[in-house]
């Protein structure tokens, strides 16, 4: 026989159920790794050797994702600043990446 919970006991039970659901259906996953090449761009006013520039992921990016989502299904949308021209220093932020399922 199922017992009827009231007051604090009911809230505790509901909270416990929510946590159990969250921990069993979601997990923190690294979706982008620091140092990976995001894209390559052409830099105006650059030398022949530095005209093509690899843009790297600055730091690991993690997200809380449903366990049903495969990282391979995430599609990136890369937005690069307009008119990127030399000189560019290491560490300059030249764009952003958004991931969609």
Protein backbone atom coordinates (compact mmCIF):
# COMPACT_ATOMS: atom_id res chain seq x y z
CA UNK A 1 0.00 0.00 0.00
CA UNK A 2 1.38 3.41 -1.02
CA UNK A 3 1.57 5.84 1.83
CA UNK A 4 0.37 9.39 1.55
CA UNK A 5 3.08 11.97 2.23
CA UNK A 6 2.24 15.44 3.44
CA UNK A 7 4.12 18.63 4.28
CA UNK A 8 7.91 18.45 4.61
CA UNK A 9 8.02 14.72 3.86
CA UNK A 10 6.25 15.22 0.53
CA UNK A 11 8.60 18.05 -0.49
CA UNK A 12 11.63 15.96 0.45
CA UNK A 13 10.32 13.01 -1.54
CA UNK A 14 9.59 15.21 -4.59
CA UNK A 15 13.01 16.83 -4.38
CA UNK A 16 14.70 13.44 -4.12
CA UNK A 17 12.77 12.22 -7.19
CA UNK A 18 13.84 15.30 -9.18
CA UNK A 19 17.50 14.84 -8.25
CA UNK A 20 17.41 11.14 -9.12
CA UNK A 21 15.82 11.95 -12.49
CA UNK A 22 18.41 14.64 -13.23
CA UNK A 23 21.41 12.50 -12.29
CA UNK A 24 20.17 9.52 -14.27
CA UNK A 25 19.19 11.44 -17.44
CA UNK A 26 21.81 14.22 -17.69
CA UNK A 27 25.59 14.45 -17.45
CA UNK A 28 28.32 17.06 -17.79
CA UNK A 29 30.18 16.52 -21.07
CA UNK A 30 33.13 18.29 -22.67
CA UNK A 31 31.81 19.48 -26.04
CA UNK A 32 34.86 21.48 -27.21
CA UNK A 33 38.48 20.91 -26.22
CA UNK A 34 41.11 23.60 -25.71
CA UNK A 35 43.57 23.76 -28.59
CA UNK A 36 41.27 22.15 -31.18
CA UNK A 37 41.01 24.01 -34.49
CA UNK A 38 37.60 25.66 -34.82
CA UNK A 39 38.10 26.96 -38.36
CA UNK A 40 40.64 28.62 -40.62
CA UNK A 41 40.36 32.20 -41.83
CA UNK A 42 42.17 34.43 -44.27
CA UNK A 43 43.72 37.50 -42.67
CA UNK A 44 44.00 40.71 -44.66
CA UNK A 45 47.27 42.70 -44.50
CA UNK A 46 49.13 39.53 -43.46
CA UNK A 47 52.30 38.07 -44.92
CA UNK A 48 52.15 35.13 -47.30
CA UNK A 49 53.17 32.80 -44.43
CA UNK A 50 50.54 34.12 -42.01
CA UNK A 51 47.66 34.84 -44.40
CA UNK A 52 45.81 31.62 -43.46
CA UNK A 53 45.21 31.47 -39.73
CA UNK A 54 43.87 28.54 -37.69
CA UNK A 55 41.44 29.69 -35.01
CA UNK A 56 41.71 27.55 -31.90
CA UNK A 57 39.32 26.78 -29.09
CA UNK A 58 40.63 28.83 -26.15
CA UNK A 59 39.51 26.57 -23.29
CA UNK A 60 37.53 23.39 -22.71
CA UNK A 61 33.79 23.95 -22.97
CA UNK A 62 31.52 21.69 -20.95
CA UNK A 63 27.75 21.51 -20.91
CA UNK A 64 25.06 19.67 -19.03
CA UNK A 65 23.47 17.51 -21.71
CA UNK A 66 20.80 14.88 -21.89
CA UNK A 67 22.33 11.40 -22.03
CA UNK A 68 20.28 10.87 -25.22
CA UNK A 69 22.34 13.49 -27.09
CA UNK A 70 25.41 12.30 -28.96
CA UNK A 71 28.24 14.83 -29.30
CA UNK A 72 28.44 13.95 -33.00
CA UNK A 73 24.94 15.35 -33.53
CA UNK A 74 25.88 18.81 -32.23
CA UNK A 75 26.37 21.25 -35.08
CA UNK A 76 28.52 24.35 -34.58
CA UNK A 77 27.69 27.81 -35.85
CA UNK A 78 30.87 29.87 -36.04
CA UNK A 79 30.66 33.66 -36.13
CA UNK A 80 33.88 35.47 -37.08
CA UNK A 81 34.47 39.19 -36.63
CA UNK A 82 34.29 41.12 -39.87
CA UNK A 83 37.43 42.52 -41.49
CA UNK A 84 40.00 40.57 -39.51
CA UNK A 85 43.35 42.09 -40.39
CA UNK A 86 46.94 41.90 -39.21
CA UNK A 87 48.43 42.39 -36.74
CA UNK A 88 46.75 39.74 -34.60
CA UNK A 89 48.14 38.74 -31.23
CA UNK A 90 47.94 35.29 -29.67
CA UNK A 91 44.90 35.21 -27.39
CA UNK A 92 42.87 37.74 -29.39
CA UNK A 93 39.22 36.70 -29.56
CA UNK A 94 38.15 36.72 -33.22
CA UNK A 95 34.81 34.98 -33.04
CA UNK A 96 32.37 32.75 -31.21
CA UNK A 97 30.98 29.24 -31.55
CA UNK A 98 27.44 28.17 -30.69
CA UNK A 99 26.45 24.52 -30.64
CA UNK A 100 22.99 23.27 -31.54
CA UNK A 101 21.38 19.86 -31.39
